[in-house]
Amino acid sequence: MKMRKIVSMIGTGALMLSMGVAQAALVNGGFGDGDATGGNFGGANGWTSFEAVFTTANDGPNSAPVSHDAGNNQSVLMFGPFTGTGSAAGMYQADAVAVTPGDLVTLEAWAMNWVGDPMLNLGILQLSFWDAAGGELGGGNNLGAFEQTADPYGTADVLLSVQDGAEVSDWSQMSVSAIAPAGTVSAQAFLLHIQTADPCCAGGSIYWDDVSLTTSAVPVPAAVWLFGSGLLGLVGVARRRKS
């Protein structure tokens, strides 16, 4: 009976090690924190922003886009700073997410190019790993950045249809996944807009909504078998001592 219980425990432990647990980790990923119904306000609560970034409320087609999330009427509007080709606006999560080296980290967001700004927009969803707890603000080193790009011209990873925001289907999903490298302490989500027009100042805008970051342990079969064989070895020793 004791032997069966121990073997059962081994199987349970191996299963737990191989499955891992995913966790949502971002603050204000749907941009519903703060009231923008009286007009756009700069930046987004829970995020650090630079250049032209605004939280905006939905007023319908030809005014502002609907939120991708049917339960929330706000999103983020981002456009180029109009200071030259290649100039960037953007934002990143103020509090970096604690990550263990070897974790699989997935960053997702929904983006849209609004019909009112059908110009040269390039949206970038970027996942960055850091060797300090504070990420960009923690004084550490960037261990690697992984990104997915989107534009309405078919030249990027994701095609953004030029839409009026009247339907949730107007939004396109973006996603990037990477394994946290050795030395990783935290991961951070970045949303960027790059002004690609030449000459300067023909930027346009991109809307963002429903950003999420999840982490999960990567299955490690070798470690699982080592764990199981070690316990079985202990079981064998215990049986010999008993006999």
C-alpha atoms as a PDB file:
ATOM      1  CA  MET A   1       0.000   0.000   0.000  1.00  0.00           C
ATOM      2  CA  LYS A   2       2.795   2.416   0.933  1.00  0.00           C
ATOM      3  CA  MET A   3       4.578   1.601  -2.312  1.00  0.00           C
ATOM      4  CA  ARG A   4       1.472   2.465  -4.357  1.00  0.00           C
ATOM      5  CA  LYS A   5       1.095   5.789  -2.537  1.00  0.00           C
ATOM      6  CA  ILE A   6       4.718   6.720  -3.194  1.00  0.00           C
ATOM      7  CA  VAL A   7       4.465   5.815  -6.883  1.00  0.00           C
ATOM      8  CA  SER A   8       1.248   7.850  -7.086  1.00  0.00           C
ATOM      9  CA  MET A   9       3.037  10.800  -5.501  1.00  0.00           C
ATOM     10  CA  ILE A  10       5.849  10.471  -8.061  1.00  0.00           C
ATOM     11  CA  GLY A  11       3.371  10.570 -10.938  1.00  0.00           C
ATOM     12  CA  THR A  12       1.589  13.601  -9.475  1.00  0.00           C
ATOM     13  CA  GLY A  13       4.861  15.434  -8.934  1.00  0.00           C
ATOM     14  CA  ALA A  14       6.035  14.708 -12.485  1.00  0.00           C
ATOM     15  CA  LEU A  15       2.727  15.941 -13.886  1.00  0.00           C
ATOM     16  CA  MET A  16       2.947  19.184 -11.907  1.00  0.00           C
ATOM     17  CA  LEU A  17       6.492  19.814 -13.094  1.00  0.00           C
ATOM     18  CA  SER A  18       5.596  19.223 -16.725  1.00  0.00           C
ATOM     19  CA  MET A  19       2.407  21.312 -16.804  1.00  0.00           C
ATOM     20  CA  GLY A  20       3.357  24.639 -15.229  1.00  0.00           C
ATOM     21  CA  VAL A  21       0.821  27.362 -14.401  1.00  0.00           C
ATOM     22  CA  ALA A  22       0.032  30.432 -16.543  1.00  0.00           C
ATOM     23  CA  GLN A  23      -0.682  33.728 -14.800  1.00  0.00           C
ATOM     24  CA  ALA A  24      -2.075  37.044 -16.038  1.00  0.00           C
ATOM     25  CA  ALA A  25       0.318  39.744 -14.976  1.00  0.00           C
ATOM     26  CA  LEU A  26      -0.386  43.225 -16.383  1.00  0.00           C
ATOM     27  CA  VAL A  27      -1.976  46.263 -14.715  1.00  0.00           C
ATOM     28  CA  ASN A  28      -4.746  48.076 -16.629  1.00  0.00           C
ATOM     29  CA  GLY A  29      -4.262  45.992 -19.761  1.00  0.00           C
ATOM     30  CA  GLY A  30      -7.753  46.952 -20.996  1.00  0.00           C
ATOM     31  CA  PHE A  31      -7.196  50.700 -20.379  1.00  0.00           C
ATOM     32  CA  GLY A  32     -10.442  51.058 -18.462  1.00  0.00           C
ATOM     33  CA  ASP A  33      -8.734  52.657 -15.438  1.00  0.00           C
ATOM     34  CA  GLY A  34      -9.414  56.401 -15.513  1.00  0.00           C
ATOM     35  CA  ASP A  35     -12.339  58.156 -17.193  1.00  0.00           C
ATOM     36  CA  ALA A  36     -11.701  59.511 -20.695  1.00  0.00           C
ATOM     37  CA  THR A  37     -15.353  60.206 -21.565  1.00  0.00           C
ATOM     38  CA  GLY A  38     -14.803  63.938 -21.019  1.00  0.00           C
ATOM     39  CA  GLY A  39     -11.911  63.901 -23.480  1.00  0.00           C
ATOM     40  CA  ASN A  40      -8.642  62.066 -24.069  1.00  0.00           C
ATOM     41  CA  PHE A  41      -6.101  62.152 -21.271  1.00  0.00           C
ATOM     42  CA  GLY A  42      -2.365  61.725 -21.671  1.00  0.00           C
ATOM     43  CA  GLY A  43      -0.807  58.300 -21.181  1.00  0.00           C
ATOM     44  CA  ALA A  44      -2.507  55.364 -19.466  1.00  0.00           C
ATOM     45  CA  ASN A  45      -2.727  54.534 -15.779  1.00  0.00           C
ATOM     46  CA  GLY A  46      -0.242  51.814 -14.814  1.00  0.00           C
ATOM     47  CA  TRP A  47       1.936  52.537 -17.859  1.00  0.00           C
ATOM     48  CA  THR A  48       4.903  54.832 -18.482  1.00  0.00           C
ATOM     49  CA  SER A  49       4.467  56.670 -21.789  1.00  0.00           C
ATOM     50  CA  PHE A  50       6.473  58.999 -24.004  1.00  0.00           C
ATOM     51  CA  GLU A  51       5.494  61.319 -26.844  1.00  0.00           C
ATOM     52  CA  ALA A  52       1.934  61.137 -28.241  1.00  0.00           C
ATOM     53  CA  VAL A  53       0.004  58.536 -26.190  1.00  0.00           C
ATOM     54  CA  PHE A  54      -3.579  59.031 -24.976  1.00  0.00           C
ATOM     55  CA  THR A  55      -6.334  57.048 -23.292  1.00  0.00           C
ATOM     56  CA  THR A  56      -9.485  57.613 -25.343  1.00  0.00           C
ATOM     57  CA  ALA A  57     -13.188  56.829 -24.902  1.00  0.00           C
ATOM     58  CA  ASN A  58     -15.509  55.462 -27.567  1.00  0.00           C
ATOM     59  CA  ASP A  59     -17.862  57.871 -29.326  1.00  0.00           C
ATOM     60  CA  GLY A  60     -18.668  55.659 -32.299  1.00  0.00           C
ATOM     61  CA  PRO A  61     -17.604  55.637 -35.975  1.00  0.00           C
ATOM     62  CA  ASN A  62     -15.942  58.750 -37.406  1.00  0.00           C
ATOM     63  CA  SER A  63     -15.010  59.959 -33.944  1.00  0.00           C
ATOM     64  CA  ALA A  64     -13.138  57.265 -32.029  1.00  0.00           C
ATOM     65  CA  PRO A  65     -12.975  53.458 -32.270  1.00  0.00           C
ATOM     66  CA  VAL A  66     -14.882  51.065 -30.100  1.00  0.00           C
ATOM     67  CA  SER A  67     -12.876  49.152 -27.564  1.00  0.00           C
ATOM     68  CA  HIS A  68     -11.988  45.606 -28.530  1.00  0.00           C
ATOM     69  CA  ASP A  69     -13.442  44.527 -25.180  1.00  0.00           C
ATOM     70  CA  ALA A  70     -17.221  44.737 -25.354  1.00  0.00           C
ATOM     71  CA  GLY A  71     -17.354  45.405 -21.590  1.00  0.00           C
ATOM     72  CA  ASN A  72     -15.127  48.488 -21.741  1.00  0.00           C
ATOM     73  CA  ASN A  73     -15.416  51.583 -23.926  1.00  0.00           C
ATOM     74  CA  GLN A  74     -11.810  52.791 -23.757  1.00  0.00           C
ATOM     75  CA  SER A  75      -8.594  52.117 -25.635  1.00  0.00           C
ATOM     76  CA  VAL A  76      -5.205  53.771 -26.206  1.00  0.00           C
ATOM     77  CA  LEU A  77      -4.499  56.100 -29.135  1.00  0.00           C
ATOM     78  CA  MET A  78      -0.865  56.417 -30.220  1.00  0.00           C
ATOM     79  CA  PHE A  79       0.670  58.435 -33.048  1.00  0.00           C
ATOM     80  CA  GLY A  80       4.041  59.682 -34.209  1.00  0.00           C
ATOM     81  CA  PRO A  81       5.639  62.702 -32.541  1.00  0.00           C
ATOM     82  CA  PHE A  82       6.142  64.323 -35.988  1.00  0.00           C
ATOM     83  CA  THR A  83       9.782  65.150 -35.335  1.00  0.00           C
ATOM     84  CA  GLY A  84      11.260  63.145 -38.209  1.00  0.00           C
ATOM     85  CA  THR A  85      11.159  59.841 -40.053  1.00  0.00           C
ATOM     86  CA  GLY A  86      11.765  56.936 -37.665  1.00  0.00           C
ATOM     87  CA  SER A  87      10.565  58.862 -34.618  1.00  0.00           C
ATOM     88  CA  ALA A  88       8.727  56.834 -32.004  1.00  0.00           C
ATOM     89  CA  ALA A  89       5.948  57.192 -29.487  1.00  0.00           C
ATOM     90  CA  GLY A  90       5.175  54.462 -27.020  1.00  0.00           C
ATOM     91  CA  MET A  91       4.519  53.125 -23.558  1.00  0.00           C
ATOM     92  CA  TYR A  92       5.612  50.312 -21.297  1.00  0.00           C
ATOM     93  CA  GLN A  93       4.202  48.665 -18.210  1.00  0.00           C
ATOM     94  CA  ALA A  94       5.349  50.673 -15.190  1.00  0.00           C
ATOM     95  CA  ASP A  95       5.752  47.584 -12.971  1.00  0.00           C
ATOM     96  CA  ALA A  96       7.799  44.824 -14.576  1.00  0.00           C
ATOM     97  CA  VAL A  97       6.555  41.259 -14.089  1.00  0.00           C
ATOM     98  CA  ALA A  98       8.680  38.814 -12.095  1.00  0.00           C
ATOM     99  CA  VAL A  99       9.896  36.007 -14.360  1.00  0.00           C
ATOM    100  CA  THR A 100      12.064  32.918 -13.814  1.00  0.00           C
ATOM    101  CA  PRO A 101      14.738  32.031 -16.393  1.00  0.00           C
ATOM    102  CA  GLY A 102      13.382  29.319 -18.675  1.00  0.00           C
ATOM    103  CA  ASP A 103       9.750  30.461 -18.353  1.00  0.00           C
ATOM    104  CA  LEU A 104       7.695  30.770 -21.521  1.00  0.00           C
ATOM    105  CA  VAL A 105       6.394  34.357 -21.628  1.00  0.00           C
ATOM    106  CA  THR A 106       3.613  35.409 -24.017  1.00  0.00           C
ATOM    107  CA  LEU A 107       2.600  39.011 -24.723  1.00  0.00           C
ATOM    108  CA  GLU A 108      -0.640  39.687 -26.641  1.00  0.00           C
ATOM    109  CA  ALA A 109      -2.515  42.818 -27.709  1.00  0.00           C
ATOM    110  CA  TRP A 110      -5.189  43.970 -30.153  1.00  0.00           C
ATOM    111  CA  ALA A 111      -4.437  46.785 -32.604  1.00  0.00           C
ATOM    112  CA  MET A 112      -6.310  48.812 -35.215  1.00  0.00           C
ATOM    113  CA  ASN A 113      -5.495  51.458 -37.837  1.00  0.00           C
ATOM    114  CA  TRP A 114      -8.423  53.883 -37.860  1.00  0.00           C
ATOM    115  CA  VAL A 115      -9.947  55.064 -41.147  1.00  0.00           C
ATOM    116  CA  GLY A 116      -9.430  58.672 -40.054  1.00  0.00           C
ATOM    117  CA  ASP A 117      -5.648  58.139 -40.139  1.00  0.00           C
ATOM    118  CA  PRO A 118      -4.864  55.820 -43.094  1.00  0.00           C
ATOM    119  CA  MET A 119      -1.231  56.927 -43.214  1.00  0.00           C
ATOM    120  CA  LEU A 120       2.168  55.373 -42.629  1.00  0.00           C
ATOM    121  CA  ASN A 121       1.713  53.717 -39.237  1.00  0.00           C
ATOM    122  CA  LEU A 122       3.934  50.960 -37.893  1.00  0.00           C
ATOM    123  CA  GLY A 123       2.846  49.390 -34.609  1.00  0.00           C
ATOM    124  CA  ILE A 124       5.288  47.292 -32.592  1.00  0.00           C
ATOM    125  CA  LEU A 125       4.420  44.878 -29.782  1.00  0.00           C
ATOM    126  CA  GLN A 126       7.633  44.216 -27.869  1.00  0.00           C
ATOM    127  CA  LEU A 127       8.511  41.825 -25.035  1.00  0.00           C
ATOM    128  CA  SER A 128      11.719  42.678 -23.153  1.00  0.00           C
ATOM    129  CA  PHE A 129      13.639  40.728 -20.499  1.00  0.00           C
ATOM    130  CA  TRP A 130      15.680  42.393 -17.745  1.00  0.00           C
ATOM    131  CA  ASP A 131      18.172  41.332 -15.077  1.00  0.00           C
ATOM    132  CA  ALA A 132      16.630  43.742 -12.536  1.00  0.00           C
ATOM    133  CA  ALA A 133      13.252  43.740 -10.807  1.00  0.00           C
ATOM    134  CA  GLY A 134      12.204  47.157 -12.106  1.00  0.00           C
ATOM    135  CA  GLY A 135      12.647  46.472 -15.813  1.00  0.00           C
ATOM    136  CA  GLU A 136      13.264  49.688 -17.760  1.00  0.00           C
ATOM    137  CA  LEU A 137      13.077  51.713 -14.527  1.00  0.00           C
ATOM    138  CA  GLY A 138      15.129  49.291 -12.424  1.00  0.00           C
ATOM    139  CA  GLY A 139      18.587  50.274 -13.603  1.00  0.00           C
ATOM    140  CA  GLY A 140      19.315  46.788 -14.944  1.00  0.00           C
ATOM    141  CA  ASN A 141      20.375  45.429 -18.308  1.00  0.00           C
ATOM    142  CA  ASN A 142      18.100  44.468 -21.190  1.00  0.00           C
ATOM    143  CA  LEU A 143      18.754  40.771 -21.849  1.00  0.00           C
ATOM    144  CA  GLY A 144      16.800  40.646 -25.097  1.00  0.00           C
ATOM    145  CA  ALA A 145      13.741  42.057 -26.862  1.00  0.00           C
ATOM    146  CA  PHE A 146      11.307  40.105 -29.026  1.00  0.00           C
ATOM    147  CA  GLU A 147       8.710  41.866 -31.141  1.00  0.00           C
ATOM    148  CA  GLN A 148       5.948  41.630 -33.698  1.00  0.00           C
ATOM    149  CA  THR A 149       5.165  44.458 -36.113  1.00  0.00           C
ATOM    150  CA  ALA A 150       1.886  45.565 -37.694  1.00  0.00           C
ATOM    151  CA  ASP A 151       0.913  48.008 -40.437  1.00  0.00           C
ATOM    152  CA  PRO A 152      -1.911  48.475 -42.994  1.00  0.00           C
ATOM    153  CA  TYR A 153       0.336  47.837 -46.008  1.00  0.00           C
ATOM    154  CA  GLY A 154       1.186  44.162 -45.728  1.00  0.00           C
ATOM    155  CA  THR A 155       4.878  44.872 -45.131  1.00  0.00           C
ATOM    156  CA  ALA A 156       4.879  43.857 -41.448  1.00  0.00           C
ATOM    157  CA  ASP A 157       4.143  40.646 -39.530  1.00  0.00           C
ATOM    158  CA  VAL A 158       0.459  41.537 -39.036  1.00  0.00           C
ATOM    159  CA  LEU A 159      -1.830  43.314 -41.520  1.00  0.00           C
ATOM    160  CA  LEU A 160      -3.966  46.050 -39.937  1.00  0.00           C
ATOM    161  CA  SER A 161      -7.050  46.703 -42.023  1.00  0.00           C
ATOM    162  CA  VAL A 162      -8.022  50.380 -42.108  1.00  0.00           C
ATOM    163  CA  GLN A 163     -11.321  50.379 -40.201  1.00  0.00           C
ATOM    164  CA  ASP A 164     -13.832  52.775 -38.658  1.00  0.00           C
ATOM    165  CA  GLY A 165     -13.986  50.962 -35.330  1.00  0.00           C
ATOM    166  CA  ALA A 166     -17.684  50.190 -35.594  1.00  0.00           C
ATOM    167  CA  GLU A 167     -17.156  46.480 -34.951  1.00  0.00           C
ATOM    168  CA  VAL A 168     -14.970  44.489 -32.589  1.00  0.00           C
ATOM    169  CA  SER A 169     -13.866  42.505 -35.643  1.00  0.00           C
ATOM    170  CA  ASP A 170     -12.060  45.615 -36.906  1.00  0.00           C
ATOM    171  CA  TRP A 171      -9.250  44.808 -34.474  1.00  0.00           C
ATOM    172  CA  SER A 172      -6.299  42.521 -35.282  1.00  0.00           C
ATOM    173  CA  GLN A 173      -4.557  40.395 -32.656  1.00  0.00           C
ATOM    174  CA  MET A 174      -0.811  40.573 -32.149  1.00  0.00           C
ATOM    175  CA  SER A 175       1.221  38.056 -30.151  1.00  0.00           C
ATOM    176  CA  VAL A 176       4.871  37.398 -29.333  1.00  0.00           C
ATOM    177  CA  SER A 177       6.312  34.559 -27.207  1.00  0.00           C
ATOM    178  CA  ALA A 178       9.844  33.880 -25.976  1.00  0.00           C
ATOM    179  CA  ILE A 179      11.744  31.850 -23.384  1.00  0.00           C
ATOM    180  CA  ALA A 180      13.198  33.988 -20.602  1.00  0.00           C
ATOM    181  CA  PRO A 181      17.009  33.860 -20.974  1.00  0.00           C
ATOM    182  CA  ALA A 182      19.478  33.045 -18.192  1.00  0.00           C
ATOM    183  CA  GLY A 183      19.727  35.817 -15.631  1.00  0.00           C
ATOM    184  CA  THR A 184      16.178  37.069 -16.198  1.00  0.00           C
ATOM    185  CA  VAL A 185      14.496  38.681 -13.202  1.00  0.00           C
ATOM    186  CA  SER A 186      11.620  40.493 -14.895  1.00  0.00           C
ATOM    187  CA  ALA A 187       9.747  40.902 -18.187  1.00  0.00           C
ATOM    188  CA  GLN A 188       8.078  44.018 -19.533  1.00  0.00           C
ATOM    189  CA  ALA A 189       5.455  44.832 -22.158  1.00  0.00           C
ATOM    190  CA  PHE A 190       6.127  47.641 -24.671  1.00  0.00           C
ATOM    191  CA  LEU A 191       3.673  49.168 -27.176  1.00  0.00           C
ATOM    192  CA  LEU A 192       5.284  51.390 -29.813  1.00  0.00           C
ATOM    193  CA  HIS A 193       4.331  53.510 -32.811  1.00  0.00           C
ATOM    194  CA  ILE A 194       7.030  54.272 -35.373  1.00  0.00           C
ATOM    195  CA  GLN A 195       6.535  57.123 -37.823  1.00  0.00           C
ATOM    196  CA  THR A 196       7.714  55.778 -41.182  1.00  0.00           C
ATOM    197  CA  ALA A 197       6.646  58.609 -43.493  1.00  0.00           C
ATOM    198  CA  ASP A 198       9.260  60.434 -45.545  1.00  0.00           C
ATOM    199  CA  PRO A 199       9.274  63.402 -45.558  1.00  0.00           C
ATOM    200  CA  CYS A 200       8.433  64.043 -41.908  1.00  0.00           C
ATOM    201  CA  CYS A 201       5.029  64.624 -40.420  1.00  0.00           C
ATOM    202  CA  ALA A 202       2.628  62.319 -42.240  1.00  0.00           C
ATOM    203  CA  GLY A 203       2.278  59.962 -39.288  1.00  0.00           C
ATOM    204  CA  GLY A 204      -1.251  58.773 -38.585  1.00  0.00           C
ATOM    205  CA  SER A 205      -2.290  56.689 -35.578  1.00  0.00           C
ATOM    206  CA  ILE A 206      -2.734  53.201 -34.161  1.00  0.00           C
ATOM    207  CA  TYR A 207      -5.140  52.146 -31.419  1.00  0.00           C
ATOM    208  CA  TRP A 208      -4.300  49.470 -28.826  1.00  0.00           C
ATOM    209  CA  ASP A 209      -6.471  47.460 -26.463  1.00  0.00           C
ATOM    210  CA  ASP A 210      -6.650  44.350 -24.258  1.00  0.00           C
ATOM    211  CA  VAL A 211      -2.963  43.785 -23.628  1.00  0.00           C
ATOM    212  CA  SER A 212      -2.029  40.667 -21.635  1.00  0.00           C
ATOM    213  CA  LEU A 213       1.181  39.024 -20.483  1.00  0.00           C
ATOM    214  CA  THR A 214       1.272  35.439 -19.224  1.00  0.00           C
ATOM    215  CA  THR A 215       4.051  33.237 -17.918  1.00  0.00           C
ATOM    216  CA  SER A 216       4.199  29.456 -17.739  1.00  0.00           C
ATOM    217  CA  ALA A 217       6.831  26.922 -16.786  1.00  0.00           C
ATOM    218  CA  VAL A 218       8.255  25.064 -19.761  1.00  0.00           C
ATOM    219  CA  PRO A 219       7.958  21.253 -19.521  1.00  0.00           C
ATOM    220  CA  VAL A 220      11.330  19.708 -18.644  1.00  0.00           C
ATOM    221  CA  PRO A 221      11.000  15.919 -19.179  1.00  0.00           C
ATOM    222  CA  ALA A 222      14.612  15.214 -18.231  1.00  0.00           C
ATOM    223  CA  ALA A 223      14.153  16.887 -14.858  1.00  0.00           C
ATOM    224  CA  VAL A 224      10.866  15.068 -14.333  1.00  0.00           C
ATOM    225  CA  TRP A 225      12.447  11.670 -14.947  1.00  0.00           C
ATOM    226  CA  LEU A 226      15.386  12.556 -12.706  1.00  0.00           C
ATOM    227  CA  PHE A 227      12.952  13.538  -9.975  1.00  0.00           C
ATOM    228  CA  GLY A 228      11.007  10.305 -10.366  1.00  0.00           C
ATOM    229  CA  SER A 229      14.042   8.025 -10.531  1.00  0.00           C
ATOM    230  CA  GLY A 230      15.460   9.683  -7.423  1.00  0.00           C
ATOM    231  CA  LEU A 231      12.302   8.959  -5.449  1.00  0.00           C
ATOM    232  CA  LEU A 232      12.190   5.380  -6.719  1.00  0.00           C
ATOM    233  CA  GLY A 233      15.773   4.966  -5.559  1.00  0.00           C
ATOM    234  CA  LEU A 234      14.774   6.116  -2.089  1.00  0.00           C
ATOM    235  CA  VAL A 235      11.876   3.665  -2.139  1.00  0.00           C
ATOM    236  CA  GLY A 236      14.295   0.836  -2.967  1.00  0.00           C
ATOM    237  CA  VAL A 237      16.631   1.764  -0.130  1.00  0.00           C
ATOM    238  CA  ALA A 238      13.722   1.902   2.292  1.00  0.00           C
ATOM    239  CA  ARG A 239      12.526  -1.562   1.241  1.00  0.00           C
ATOM    240  CA  ARG A 240      15.979  -3.081   1.668  1.00  0.00           C
ATOM    241  CA  ARG A 241      16.296  -1.611   5.150  1.00  0.00           C
ATOM    242  CA  LYS A 242      12.883  -2.959   6.088  1.00  0.00           C
ATOM    243  CA  SER A 243      13.737  -6.477   4.892  1.00  0.00           C
END
